Amino acid sequence: MPRSVNAVASKAKKKKVMKQTKGQFGRRKNVWTVAKNAYEKGMQYAYRDRRVKKRNFRALWIMRINAAARLQGMSYSVFMGKLHAKDIEISRKVLADLAVNNPEAFKAIVDAVK
């Protein structure tokens, strides 16, 4: 019995991977085995970094809130503790945006928790 291979599907799969690695440096863009490894590693990084991005943004928001709170004479931890004690439900994302783009509104929040 002759050997049966699905060349159409194999070619389509390779074409998809090679399209994804287009623009990379060296053999990563045109040699199948190297491109396949580069593609798979890139997908691993993409999966991981979709989660890391959330951590990075939370850290950025905390830094911004801390800087704005210290301008009002209060540390971040004290500010957040007083917010929770007063049952003011406002996200760090919104607080950071207020701290950067609307300092008078942020000051009003700080005055409300003092």
PDB file of N, CA and C in Angstrom:
ATOM      1  N   MET A   1       0.846  -1.181   0.000  1.00  0.00           N
ATOM      2  CA  MET A   1       0.000   0.000   0.000  1.00  0.00           C
ATOM      3  C   MET A   1       0.893   1.247   0.000  1.00  0.00           C
ATOM      4  N   PRO A   2       0.574   2.234  -0.806  1.00  0.00           N
ATOM      5  CA  PRO A   2       1.412   3.439  -0.859  1.00  0.00           C
ATOM      6  C   PRO A   2       1.279   4.265   0.417  1.00  0.00           C
ATOM      7  N   ARG A   3       2.330   5.011   0.679  1.00  0.00           N
ATOM      8  CA  ARG A   3       2.369   5.868   1.868  1.00  0.00           C
ATOM      9  C   ARG A   3       1.432   7.047   1.667  1.00  0.00           C
ATOM     10  N   SER A   4       0.646   7.336   2.683  1.00  0.00           N
ATOM     11  CA  SER A   4      -0.317   8.432   2.590  1.00  0.00           C
ATOM     12  C   SER A   4       0.158   9.594   3.458  1.00  0.00           C
ATOM     13  N   VAL A   5       0.317  10.754   2.842  1.00  0.00           N
ATOM     14  CA  VAL A   5       0.692  11.947   3.590  1.00  0.00           C
ATOM     15  C   VAL A   5      -0.283  13.066   3.242  1.00  0.00           C
ATOM     16  N   ASN A   6      -0.496  13.923   4.188  1.00  0.00           N
ATOM     17  CA  ASN A   6      -1.409  15.026   3.946  1.00  0.00           C
ATOM     18  C   ASN A   6      -0.571  16.281   3.689  1.00  0.00           C
ATOM     19  N   ALA A   7      -0.066  16.383   2.487  1.00  0.00           N
ATOM     20  CA  ALA A   7       0.838  17.473   2.125  1.00  0.00           C
ATOM     21  C   ALA A   7       0.139  18.830   2.185  1.00  0.00           C
ATOM     22  N   VAL A   8      -1.145  18.860   1.880  1.00  0.00           N
ATOM     23  CA  VAL A   8      -1.878  20.125   1.865  1.00  0.00           C
ATOM     24  C   VAL A   8      -1.907  20.733   3.270  1.00  0.00           C
ATOM     25  N   ALA A   9      -2.249  19.909   4.272  1.00  0.00           N
ATOM     26  CA  ALA A   9      -2.317  20.395   5.642  1.00  0.00           C
ATOM     27  C   ALA A   9      -0.934  20.751   6.163  1.00  0.00           C
ATOM     28  N   SER A  10       0.074  19.948   5.827  1.00  0.00           N
ATOM     29  CA  SER A  10       1.441  20.217   6.281  1.00  0.00           C
ATOM     30  C   SER A  10       1.940  21.542   5.728  1.00  0.00           C
ATOM     31  N   LYS A  11       1.687  21.764   4.457  1.00  0.00           N
ATOM     32  CA  LYS A  11       2.134  23.006   3.821  1.00  0.00           C
ATOM     33  C   LYS A  11       1.411  24.203   4.422  1.00  0.00           C
ATOM     34  N   ALA A  12       0.117  24.043   4.696  1.00  0.00           N
ATOM     35  CA  ALA A  12      -0.658  25.142   5.277  1.00  0.00           C
ATOM     36  C   ALA A  12      -0.138  25.487   6.672  1.00  0.00           C
ATOM     37  N   LYS A  13       0.204  24.447   7.456  1.00  0.00           N
ATOM     38  CA  LYS A  13       0.711  24.669   8.804  1.00  0.00           C
ATOM     39  C   LYS A  13       2.054  25.399   8.765  1.00  0.00           C
ATOM     40  N   LYS A  14       2.929  24.958   7.859  1.00  0.00           N
ATOM     41  CA  LYS A  14       4.236  25.602   7.719  1.00  0.00           C
ATOM     42  C   LYS A  14       4.076  27.040   7.247  1.00  0.00           C
ATOM     43  N   LYS A  15       3.162  27.241   6.320  1.00  0.00           N
ATOM     44  CA  LYS A  15       2.939  28.581   5.776  1.00  0.00           C
ATOM     45  C   LYS A  15       2.467  29.530   6.874  1.00  0.00           C
ATOM     46  N   LYS A  16       1.604  29.038   7.755  1.00  0.00           N
ATOM     47  CA  LYS A  16       1.085  29.847   8.857  1.00  0.00           C
ATOM     48  C   LYS A  16       2.211  30.273   9.802  1.00  0.00           C
ATOM     49  N   VAL A  17       3.089  29.312  10.135  1.00  0.00           N
ATOM     50  CA  VAL A  17       4.201  29.609  11.041  1.00  0.00           C
ATOM     51  C   VAL A  17       5.187  30.563  10.385  1.00  0.00           C
ATOM     52  N   MET A  18       5.507  30.326   9.112  1.00  0.00           N
ATOM     53  CA  MET A  18       6.471  31.179   8.418  1.00  0.00           C
ATOM     54  C   MET A  18       5.932  32.609   8.285  1.00  0.00           C
ATOM     55  N   LYS A  19       4.620  32.740   8.139  1.00  0.00           N
ATOM     56  CA  LYS A  19       4.020  34.072   8.062  1.00  0.00           C
ATOM     57  C   LYS A  19       4.161  34.792   9.397  1.00  0.00           C
ATOM     58  N   GLN A  20       4.027  34.049  10.497  1.00  0.00           N
ATOM     59  CA  GLN A  20       4.138  34.642  11.829  1.00  0.00           C
ATOM     60  C   GLN A  20       5.561  35.093  12.140  1.00  0.00           C
ATOM     61  N   THR A  21       6.568  34.378  11.588  1.00  0.00           N
ATOM     62  CA  THR A  21       7.956  34.719  11.901  1.00  0.00           C
ATOM     63  C   THR A  21       8.545  35.680  10.876  1.00  0.00           C
ATOM     64  N   LYS A  22       7.747  36.139   9.935  1.00  0.00           N
ATOM     65  CA  LYS A  22       8.225  37.088   8.939  1.00  0.00           C
ATOM     66  C   LYS A  22       8.715  38.355   9.632  1.00  0.00           C
ATOM     67  N   GLY A  23       9.886  38.843   9.250  1.00  0.00           N
ATOM     68  CA  GLY A  23      10.432  40.051   9.842  1.00  0.00           C
ATOM     69  C   GLY A  23      11.413  39.790  10.961  1.00  0.00           C
ATOM     70  N   GLN A  24      11.580  38.518  11.350  1.00  0.00           N
ATOM     71  CA  GLN A  24      12.563  38.225  12.391  1.00  0.00           C
ATOM     72  C   GLN A  24      13.960  38.174  11.783  1.00  0.00           C
ATOM     73  N   PHE A  25      14.971  38.142  12.643  1.00  0.00           N
ATOM     74  CA  PHE A  25      16.359  38.262  12.222  1.00  0.00           C
ATOM     75  C   PHE A  25      16.954  36.901  11.892  1.00  0.00           C
ATOM     76  N   GLY A  26      17.777  36.863  10.880  1.00  0.00           N
ATOM     77  CA  GLY A  26      18.552  35.666  10.553  1.00  0.00           C
ATOM     78  C   GLY A  26      17.699  34.521  10.042  1.00  0.00           C
ATOM     79  N   ARG A  27      18.072  33.297  10.450  1.00  0.00           N
ATOM     80  CA  ARG A  27      17.383  32.111   9.945  1.00  0.00           C
ATOM     81  C   ARG A  27      16.022  31.892  10.587  1.00  0.00           C
ATOM     82  N   ARG A  28      15.709  32.703  11.592  1.00  0.00           N
ATOM     83  CA  ARG A  28      14.406  32.552  12.258  1.00  0.00           C
ATOM     84  C   ARG A  28      13.254  32.808  11.307  1.00  0.00           C
ATOM     85  N   LYS A  29      13.516  33.538  10.225  1.00  0.00           N
ATOM     86  CA  LYS A  29      12.423  33.905   9.324  1.00  0.00           C
ATOM     87  C   LYS A  29      12.259  32.973   8.134  1.00  0.00           C
ATOM     88  N   ASN A  30      13.286  32.157   7.789  1.00  0.00           N
ATOM     89  CA  ASN A  30      13.167  31.396   6.541  1.00  0.00           C
ATOM     90  C   ASN A  30      13.581  29.928   6.627  1.00  0.00           C
ATOM     91  N   VAL A  31      14.087  29.451   7.760  1.00  0.00           N
ATOM     92  CA  VAL A  31      14.427  28.041   7.918  1.00  0.00           C
ATOM     93  C   VAL A  31      13.363  27.410   8.810  1.00  0.00           C
ATOM     94  N   TRP A  32      12.722  26.364   8.322  1.00  0.00           N
ATOM     95  CA  TRP A  32      11.546  25.815   8.977  1.00  0.00           C
ATOM     96  C   TRP A  32      11.784  25.450  10.439  1.00  0.00           C
ATOM     97  N   THR A  33      12.846  24.663  10.729  1.00  0.00           N
ATOM     98  CA  THR A  33      13.037  24.191  12.101  1.00  0.00           C
ATOM     99  C   THR A  33      13.333  25.357  13.047  1.00  0.00           C
ATOM    100  N   VAL A  34      14.129  26.314  12.594  1.00  0.00           N
ATOM    101  CA  VAL A  34      14.462  27.466  13.429  1.00  0.00           C
ATOM    102  C   VAL A  34      13.223  28.347  13.604  1.00  0.00           C
ATOM    103  N   ALA A  35      12.496  28.558  12.523  1.00  0.00           N
ATOM    104  CA  ALA A  35      11.294  29.395  12.575  1.00  0.00           C
ATOM    105  C   ALA A  35      10.234  28.779  13.487  1.00  0.00           C
ATOM    106  N   LYS A  36      10.092  27.459  13.433  1.00  0.00           N
ATOM    107  CA  LYS A  36       9.110  26.772  14.266  1.00  0.00           C
ATOM    108  C   LYS A  36       9.443  26.958  15.738  1.00  0.00           C
ATOM    109  N   ASN A  37      10.723  26.817  16.087  1.00  0.00           N
ATOM    110  CA  ASN A  37      11.141  27.008  17.484  1.00  0.00           C
ATOM    111  C   ASN A  37      10.933  28.451  17.921  1.00  0.00           C
ATOM    112  N   ALA A  38      11.273  29.400  17.040  1.00  0.00           N
ATOM    113  CA  ALA A  38      11.105  30.816  17.364  1.00  0.00           C
ATOM    114  C   ALA A  38       9.628  31.147  17.564  1.00  0.00           C
ATOM    115  N   TYR A  39       8.771  30.576  16.718  1.00  0.00           N
ATOM    116  CA  TYR A  39       7.323  30.806  16.810  1.00  0.00           C
ATOM    117  C   TYR A  39       6.770  30.269  18.127  1.00  0.00           C
ATOM    118  N   GLU A  40       7.158  29.026  18.463  1.00  0.00           N
ATOM    119  CA  GLU A  40       6.656  28.410  19.690  1.00  0.00           C
ATOM    120  C   GLU A  40       7.115  29.181  20.930  1.00  0.00           C
ATOM    121  N   LYS A  41       8.381  29.608  20.936  1.00  0.00           N
ATOM    122  CA  LYS A  41       8.904  30.369  22.070  1.00  0.00           C
ATOM    123  C   LYS A  41       8.191  31.718  22.164  1.00  0.00           C
ATOM    124  N   GLY A  42       7.936  32.322  21.014  1.00  0.00           N
ATOM    125  CA  GLY A  42       7.221  33.592  20.999  1.00  0.00           C
ATOM    126  C   GLY A  42       5.819  33.469  21.559  1.00  0.00           C
ATOM    127  N   MET A  43       5.152  32.367  21.246  1.00  0.00           N
ATOM    128  CA  MET A  43       3.808  32.141  21.775  1.00  0.00           C
ATOM    129  C   MET A  43       3.850  31.916  23.286  1.00  0.00           C
ATOM    130  N   GLN A  44       4.909  31.263  23.778  1.00  0.00           N
ATOM    131  CA  GLN A  44       5.055  31.079  25.225  1.00  0.00           C
ATOM    132  C   GLN A  44       5.217  32.434  25.912  1.00  0.00           C
ATOM    133  N   TYR A  45       6.069  33.278  25.333  1.00  0.00           N
ATOM    134  CA  TYR A  45       6.275  34.612  25.907  1.00  0.00           C
ATOM    135  C   TYR A  45       4.978  35.420  25.860  1.00  0.00           C
ATOM    136  N   ALA A  46       4.239  35.306  24.758  1.00  0.00           N
ATOM    137  CA  ALA A  46       2.999  36.064  24.618  1.00  0.00           C
ATOM    138  C   ALA A  46       1.989  35.639  25.685  1.00  0.00           C
ATOM    139  N   TYR A  47       1.873  34.329  25.915  1.00  0.00           N
ATOM    140  CA  TYR A  47       0.944  33.813  26.921  1.00  0.00           C
ATOM    141  C   TYR A  47       1.338  34.316  28.307  1.00  0.00           C
ATOM    142  N   ARG A  48       2.637  34.184  28.618  1.00  0.00           N
ATOM    143  CA  ARG A  48       3.127  34.611  29.930  1.00  0.00           C
ATOM    144  C   ARG A  48       2.934  36.115  30.131  1.00  0.00           C
ATOM    145  N   ASP A  49       3.290  36.882  29.115  1.00  0.00           N
ATOM    146  CA  ASP A  49       3.318  38.330  29.272  1.00  0.00           C
ATOM    147  C   ASP A  49       1.934  38.964  29.257  1.00  0.00           C
ATOM    148  N   ARG A  50       0.916  38.244  28.811  1.00  0.00           N
ATOM    149  CA  ARG A  50      -0.444  38.773  28.963  1.00  0.00           C
ATOM    150  C   ARG A  50      -0.798  38.848  30.440  1.00  0.00           C
ATOM    151  N   ARG A  51      -0.217  37.960  31.241  1.00  0.00           N
ATOM    152  CA  ARG A  51      -0.445  38.005  32.682  1.00  0.00           C
ATOM    153  C   ARG A  51       0.501  38.998  33.361  1.00  0.00           C
ATOM    154  N   VAL A  52       1.754  39.032  32.901  1.00  0.00           N
ATOM    155  CA  VAL A  52       2.747  39.935  33.483  1.00  0.00           C
ATOM    156  C   VAL A  52       2.342  41.389  33.266  1.00  0.00           C
ATOM    157  N   LYS A  53       1.694  41.659  32.126  1.00  0.00           N
ATOM    158  CA  LYS A  53       1.256  43.025  31.826  1.00  0.00           C
ATOM    159  C   LYS A  53       0.320  43.546  32.909  1.00  0.00           C
ATOM    160  N   LYS A  54      -0.546  42.700  33.410  1.00  0.00           N
ATOM    161  CA  LYS A  54      -1.487  43.101  34.456  1.00  0.00           C
ATOM    162  C   LYS A  54      -0.734  43.472  35.732  1.00  0.00           C
ATOM    163  N   ARG A  55       0.318  42.684  36.061  1.00  0.00           N
ATOM    164  CA  ARG A  55       1.126  42.993  37.245  1.00  0.00           C
ATOM    165  C   ARG A  55       1.845  44.320  37.076  1.00  0.00           C
ATOM    166  N   ASN A  56       2.407  44.525  35.873  1.00  0.00           N
ATOM    167  CA  ASN A  56       3.165  45.748  35.625  1.00  0.00           C
ATOM    168  C   ASN A  56       2.287  46.984  35.737  1.00  0.00           C
ATOM    169  N   PHE A  57       1.068  46.897  35.195  1.00  0.00           N
ATOM    170  CA  PHE A  57       0.177  48.052  35.264  1.00  0.00           C
ATOM    171  C   PHE A  57      -0.267  48.320  36.698  1.00  0.00           C
ATOM    172  N   ARG A  58      -0.524  47.274  37.461  1.00  0.00           N
ATOM    173  CA  ARG A  58      -0.903  47.475  38.862  1.00  0.00           C
ATOM    174  C   ARG A  58       0.235  48.163  39.617  1.00  0.00           C
ATOM    175  N   ALA A  59       1.471  47.736  39.357  1.00  0.00           N
ATOM    176  CA  ALA A  59       2.633  48.360  40.004  1.00  0.00           C
ATOM    177  C   ALA A  59       2.748  49.825  39.596  1.00  0.00           C
ATOM    178  N   LEU A  60       2.491  50.124  38.331  1.00  0.00           N
ATOM    179  CA  LEU A  60       2.551  51.506  37.854  1.00  0.00           C
ATOM    180  C   LEU A  60       1.492  52.363  38.544  1.00  0.00           C
ATOM    181  N   TRP A  61       0.280  51.830  38.656  1.00  0.00           N
ATOM    182  CA  TRP A  61      -0.799  52.576  39.311  1.00  0.00           C
ATOM    183  C   TRP A  61      -0.432  52.859  40.769  1.00  0.00           C
ATOM    184  N   ILE A  62       0.140  51.867  41.444  1.00  0.00           N
ATOM    185  CA  ILE A  62       0.513  52.039  42.849  1.00  0.00           C
ATOM    186  C   ILE A  62       1.570  53.125  42.980  1.00  0.00           C
ATOM    187  N   MET A  63       2.561  53.129  42.068  1.00  0.00           N
ATOM    188  CA  MET A  63       3.599  54.170  42.108  1.00  0.00           C
ATOM    189  C   MET A  63       3.001  55.559  41.930  1.00  0.00           C
ATOM    190  N   ARG A  64       2.071  55.679  41.007  1.00  0.00           N
ATOM    191  CA  ARG A  64       1.453  56.985  40.748  1.00  0.00           C
ATOM    192  C   ARG A  64       0.611  57.453  41.927  1.00  0.00           C
ATOM    193  N   ILE A  65      -0.150  56.527  42.512  1.00  0.00           N
ATOM    194  CA  ILE A  65      -0.979  56.882  43.675  1.00  0.00           C
ATOM    195  C   ILE A  65      -0.078  57.280  44.845  1.00  0.00           C
ATOM    196  N   ASN A  66       1.006  56.540  45.040  1.00  0.00           N
ATOM    197  CA  ASN A  66       1.940  56.828  46.125  1.00  0.00           C
ATOM    198  C   ASN A  66       2.543  58.220  45.960  1.00  0.00           C
ATOM    199  N   ALA A  67       2.978  58.543  44.738  1.00  0.00           N
ATOM    200  CA  ALA A  67       3.581  59.859  44.490  1.00  0.00           C
ATOM    201  C   ALA A  67       2.578  60.976  44.758  1.00  0.00           C
ATOM    202  N   ALA A  68       1.341  60.792  44.285  1.00  0.00           N
ATOM    203  CA  ALA A  68       0.315  61.822  44.480  1.00  0.00           C
ATOM    204  C   ALA A  68      -0.084  61.933  45.949  1.00  0.00           C
ATOM    205  N   ALA A  69      -0.161  60.810  46.635  1.00  0.00           N
ATOM    206  CA  ALA A  69      -0.552  60.826  48.048  1.00  0.00           C
ATOM    207  C   ALA A  69       0.530  61.500  48.890  1.00  0.00           C
ATOM    208  N   ARG A  70       1.785  61.262  48.556  1.00  0.00           N
ATOM    209  CA  ARG A  70       2.882  61.878  49.311  1.00  0.00           C
ATOM    210  C   ARG A  70       2.906  63.397  49.123  1.00  0.00           C
ATOM    211  N   LEU A  71       2.456  63.871  47.949  1.00  0.00           N
ATOM    212  CA  LEU A  71       2.338  65.316  47.755  1.00  0.00           C
ATOM    213  C   LEU A  71       1.296  65.906  48.705  1.00  0.00           C
ATOM    214  N   GLN A  72       0.335  65.074  49.122  1.00  0.00           N
ATOM    215  CA  GLN A  72      -0.701  65.510  50.058  1.00  0.00           C
ATOM    216  C   GLN A  72      -0.326  65.180  51.507  1.00  0.00           C
ATOM    217  N   GLY A  73       0.906  64.683  51.723  1.00  0.00           N
ATOM    218  CA  GLY A  73       1.378  64.406  53.078  1.00  0.00           C
ATOM    219  C   GLY A  73       0.913  63.090  53.650  1.00  0.00           C
ATOM    220  N   MET A  74       0.728  62.093  52.804  1.00  0.00           N
ATOM    221  CA  MET A  74       0.254  60.797  53.282  1.00  0.00           C
ATOM    222  C   MET A  74       0.940  59.708  52.447  1.00  0.00           C
ATOM    223  N   SER A  75       1.315  58.606  53.073  1.00  0.00           N
ATOM    224  CA  SER A  75       1.933  57.519  52.307  1.00  0.00           C
ATOM    225  C   SER A  75       0.841  56.680  51.631  1.00  0.00           C
ATOM    226  N   TYR A  76       1.269  55.844  50.708  1.00  0.00           N
ATOM    227  CA  TYR A  76       0.325  55.005  49.953  1.00  0.00           C
ATOM    228  C   TYR A  76      -0.435  54.069  50.888  1.00  0.00           C
ATOM    229  N   SER A  77       0.300  53.400  51.775  1.00  0.00           N
ATOM    230  CA  SER A  77      -0.348  52.395  52.624  1.00  0.00           C
ATOM    231  C   SER A  77      -1.363  53.036  53.575  1.00  0.00           C
ATOM    232  N   VAL A  78      -1.008  54.193  54.109  1.00  0.00           N
ATOM    233  CA  VAL A  78      -1.941  54.893  54.999  1.00  0.00           C
ATOM    234  C   VAL A  78      -3.170  55.336  54.217  1.00  0.00           C
ATOM    235  N   PHE A  79      -2.936  55.873  53.019  1.00  0.00           N
ATOM    236  CA  PHE A  79      -4.031  56.341  52.166  1.00  0.00           C
ATOM    237  C   PHE A  79      -4.991  55.206  51.820  1.00  0.00           C
ATOM    238  N   MET A  80      -4.437  54.079  51.390  1.00  0.00           N
ATOM    239  CA  MET A  80      -5.294  52.945  51.009  1.00  0.00           C
ATOM    240  C   MET A  80      -6.008  52.370  52.237  1.00  0.00           C
ATOM    241  N   GLY A  81      -5.322  52.349  53.373  1.00  0.00           N
ATOM    242  CA  GLY A  81      -5.959  51.868  54.601  1.00  0.00           C
ATOM    243  C   GLY A  81      -7.142  52.725  54.991  1.00  0.00           C
ATOM    244  N   LYS A  82      -6.983  54.046  54.887  1.00  0.00           N
ATOM    245  CA  LYS A  82      -8.086  54.951  55.222  1.00  0.00           C
ATOM    246  C   LYS A  82      -9.219  54.865  54.204  1.00  0.00           C
ATOM    247  N   LEU A  83      -8.870  54.642  52.935  1.00  0.00           N
ATOM    248  CA  LEU A  83      -9.913  54.455  51.912  1.00  0.00           C
ATOM    249  C   LEU A  83     -10.791  53.261  52.266  1.00  0.00           C
ATOM    250  N   HIS A  84     -10.149  52.143  52.632  1.00  0.00           N
ATOM    251  CA  HIS A  84     -10.908  50.934  52.972  1.00  0.00           C
ATOM    252  C   HIS A  84     -11.698  51.126  54.264  1.00  0.00           C
ATOM    253  N   ALA A  85     -11.124  51.851  55.204  1.00  0.00           N
ATOM    254  CA  ALA A  85     -11.815  52.087  56.466  1.00  0.00           C
ATOM    255  C   ALA A  85     -13.081  52.915  56.259  1.00  0.00           C
ATOM    256  N   LYS A  86     -13.024  53.860  55.322  1.00  0.00           N
ATOM    257  CA  LYS A  86     -14.188  54.706  55.024  1.00  0.00           C
ATOM    258  C   LYS A  86     -15.150  54.044  54.024  1.00  0.00           C
ATOM    259  N   ASP A  87     -14.834  52.824  53.609  1.00  0.00           N
ATOM    260  CA  ASP A  87     -15.651  52.075  52.640  1.00  0.00           C
ATOM    261  C   ASP A  87     -15.810  52.830  51.323  1.00  0.00           C
ATOM    262  N   ILE A  88     -14.735  53.441  50.855  1.00  0.00           N
ATOM    263  CA  ILE A  88     -14.743  54.096  49.543  1.00  0.00           C
ATOM    264  C   ILE A  88     -14.204  53.092  48.539  1.00  0.00           C
ATOM    265  N   GLU A  89     -15.090  52.592  47.680  1.00  0.00           N
ATOM    266  CA  GLU A  89     -14.724  51.585  46.685  1.00  0.00           C
ATOM    267  C   GLU A  89     -14.308  52.277  45.400  1.00  0.00           C
ATOM    268  N   ILE A  90     -13.005  52.432  45.202  1.00  0.00           N
ATOM    269  CA  ILE A  90     -12.501  53.032  43.968  1.00  0.00           C
ATOM    270  C   ILE A  90     -11.233  52.278  43.584  1.00  0.00           C
ATOM    271  N   SER A  91     -11.131  51.915  42.325  1.00  0.00           N
ATOM    272  CA  SER A  91     -10.021  51.067  41.883  1.00  0.00           C
ATOM    273  C   SER A  91      -8.725  51.853  41.796  1.00  0.00           C
ATOM    274  N   ARG A  92      -7.626  51.127  41.868  1.00  0.00           N
ATOM    275  CA  ARG A  92      -6.308  51.743  41.749  1.00  0.00           C
ATOM    276  C   ARG A  92      -6.125  52.372  40.375  1.00  0.00           C
ATOM    277  N   LYS A  93      -6.708  51.755  39.363  1.00  0.00           N
ATOM    278  CA  LYS A  93      -6.607  52.292  37.998  1.00  0.00           C
ATOM    279  C   LYS A  93      -7.225  53.685  37.929  1.00  0.00           C
ATOM    280  N   VAL A  94      -8.390  53.850  38.498  1.00  0.00           N
ATOM    281  CA  VAL A  94      -9.089  55.142  38.476  1.00  0.00           C
ATOM    282  C   VAL A  94      -8.349  56.152  39.353  1.00  0.00           C
ATOM    283  N   LEU A  95      -7.875  55.699  40.522  1.00  0.00           N
ATOM    284  CA  LEU A  95      -7.122  56.594  41.403  1.00  0.00           C
ATOM    285  C   LEU A  95      -5.859  57.111  40.719  1.00  0.00           C
ATOM    286  N   ALA A  96      -5.153  56.224  40.020  1.00  0.00           N
ATOM    287  CA  ALA A  96      -3.926  56.631  39.327  1.00  0.00           C
ATOM    288  C   ALA A  96      -4.245  57.615  38.212  1.00  0.00           C
ATOM    289  N   ASP A  97      -5.344  57.390  37.511  1.00  0.00           N
ATOM    290  CA  ASP A  97      -5.740  58.305  36.441  1.00  0.00           C
ATOM    291  C   ASP A  97      -6.090  59.679  37.012  1.00  0.00           C
ATOM    292  N   LEU A  98      -6.790  59.691  38.119  1.00  0.00           N
ATOM    293  CA  LEU A  98      -7.114  60.961  38.769  1.00  0.00           C
ATOM    294  C   LEU A  98      -5.847  61.673  39.252  1.00  0.00           C
ATOM    295  N   ALA A  99      -4.920  60.903  39.794  1.00  0.00           N
ATOM    296  CA  ALA A  99      -3.689  61.488  40.315  1.00  0.00           C
ATOM    297  C   ALA A  99      -2.890  62.173  39.212  1.00  0.00           C
ATOM    298  N   VAL A 100      -2.893  61.595  38.015  1.00  0.00           N
ATOM    299  CA  VAL A 100      -2.117  62.157  36.908  1.00  0.00           C
ATOM    300  C   VAL A 100      -2.891  63.256  36.188  1.00  0.00           C
ATOM    301  N   ASN A 101      -4.142  63.003  35.862  1.00  0.00           N
ATOM    302  CA  ASN A 101      -4.889  63.902  34.978  1.00  0.00           C
ATOM    303  C   ASN A 101      -5.794  64.900  35.695  1.00  0.00           C
ATOM    304  N   ASN A 102      -6.120  64.635  36.959  1.00  0.00           N
ATOM    305  CA  ASN A 102      -7.052  65.504  37.668  1.00  0.00           C
ATOM    306  C   ASN A 102      -6.642  65.613  39.140  1.00  0.00           C
ATOM    307  N   PRO A 103      -5.527  66.321  39.408  1.00  0.00           N
ATOM    308  CA  PRO A 103      -5.003  66.352  40.781  1.00  0.00           C
ATOM    309  C   PRO A 103      -5.963  66.946  41.814  1.00  0.00           C
ATOM    310  N   GLU A 104      -6.807  67.895  41.379  1.00  0.00           N
ATOM    311  CA  GLU A 104      -7.737  68.481  42.356  1.00  0.00           C
ATOM    312  C   GLU A 104      -8.786  67.467  42.813  1.00  0.00           C
ATOM    313  N   ALA A 105      -9.212  66.586  41.917  1.00  0.00           N
ATOM    314  CA  ALA A 105     -10.152  65.532  42.310  1.00  0.00           C
ATOM    315  C   ALA A 105      -9.474  64.537  43.251  1.00  0.00           C
ATOM    316  N   PHE A 106      -8.213  64.224  42.960  1.00  0.00           N
ATOM    317  CA  PHE A 106      -7.469  63.315  43.839  1.00  0.00           C
ATOM    318  C   PHE A 106      -7.309  63.940  45.225  1.00  0.00           C
ATOM    319  N   LYS A 107      -7.042  65.248  45.250  1.00  0.00           N
ATOM    320  CA  LYS A 107      -6.900  65.962  46.528  1.00  0.00           C
ATOM    321  C   LYS A 107      -8.206  65.916  47.316  1.00  0.00           C
ATOM    322  N   ALA A 108      -9.332  66.009  46.601  1.00  0.00           N
ATOM    323  CA  ALA A 108     -10.629  65.934  47.265  1.00  0.00           C
ATOM    324  C   ALA A 108     -10.829  64.565  47.910  1.00  0.00           C
ATOM    325  N   ILE A 109     -10.370  63.494  47.234  1.00  0.00           N
ATOM    326  CA  ILE A 109     -10.478  62.156  47.801  1.00  0.00           C
ATOM    327  C   ILE A 109      -9.597  62.038  49.045  1.00  0.00           C
ATOM    328  N   VAL A 110      -8.380  62.586  48.957  1.00  0.00           N
ATOM    329  CA  VAL A 110      -7.469  62.540  50.108  1.00  0.00           C
ATOM    330  C   VAL A 110      -8.080  63.305  51.284  1.00  0.00           C
ATOM    331  N   ASP A 111      -8.663  64.462  51.016  1.00  0.00           N
ATOM    332  CA  ASP A 111      -9.301  65.241  52.084  1.00  0.00           C
ATOM    333  C   ASP A 111     -10.497  64.493  52.684  1.00  0.00           C
ATOM    334  N   ALA A 112     -11.187  63.723  51.875  1.00  0.00           N
ATOM    335  CA  ALA A 112     -12.346  62.977  52.355  1.00  0.00           C
ATOM    336  C   ALA A 112     -11.933  61.861  53.323  1.00  0.00           C
ATOM    337  N   VAL A 113     -10.740  61.289  53.127  1.00  0.00           N
ATOM    338  CA  VAL A 113     -10.322  60.197  54.006  1.00  0.00           C
ATOM    339  C   VAL A 113      -9.521  60.665  55.211  1.00  0.00           C
ATOM    340  N   LYS A 114      -9.068  61.920  55.218  1.00  0.00           N
ATOM    341  CA  LYS A 114      -8.279  62.425  56.357  1.00  0.00           C
ATOM    342  C   LYS A 114      -9.160  62.566  57.608  1.00  0.00           C
TER     343      LYS A 114
END
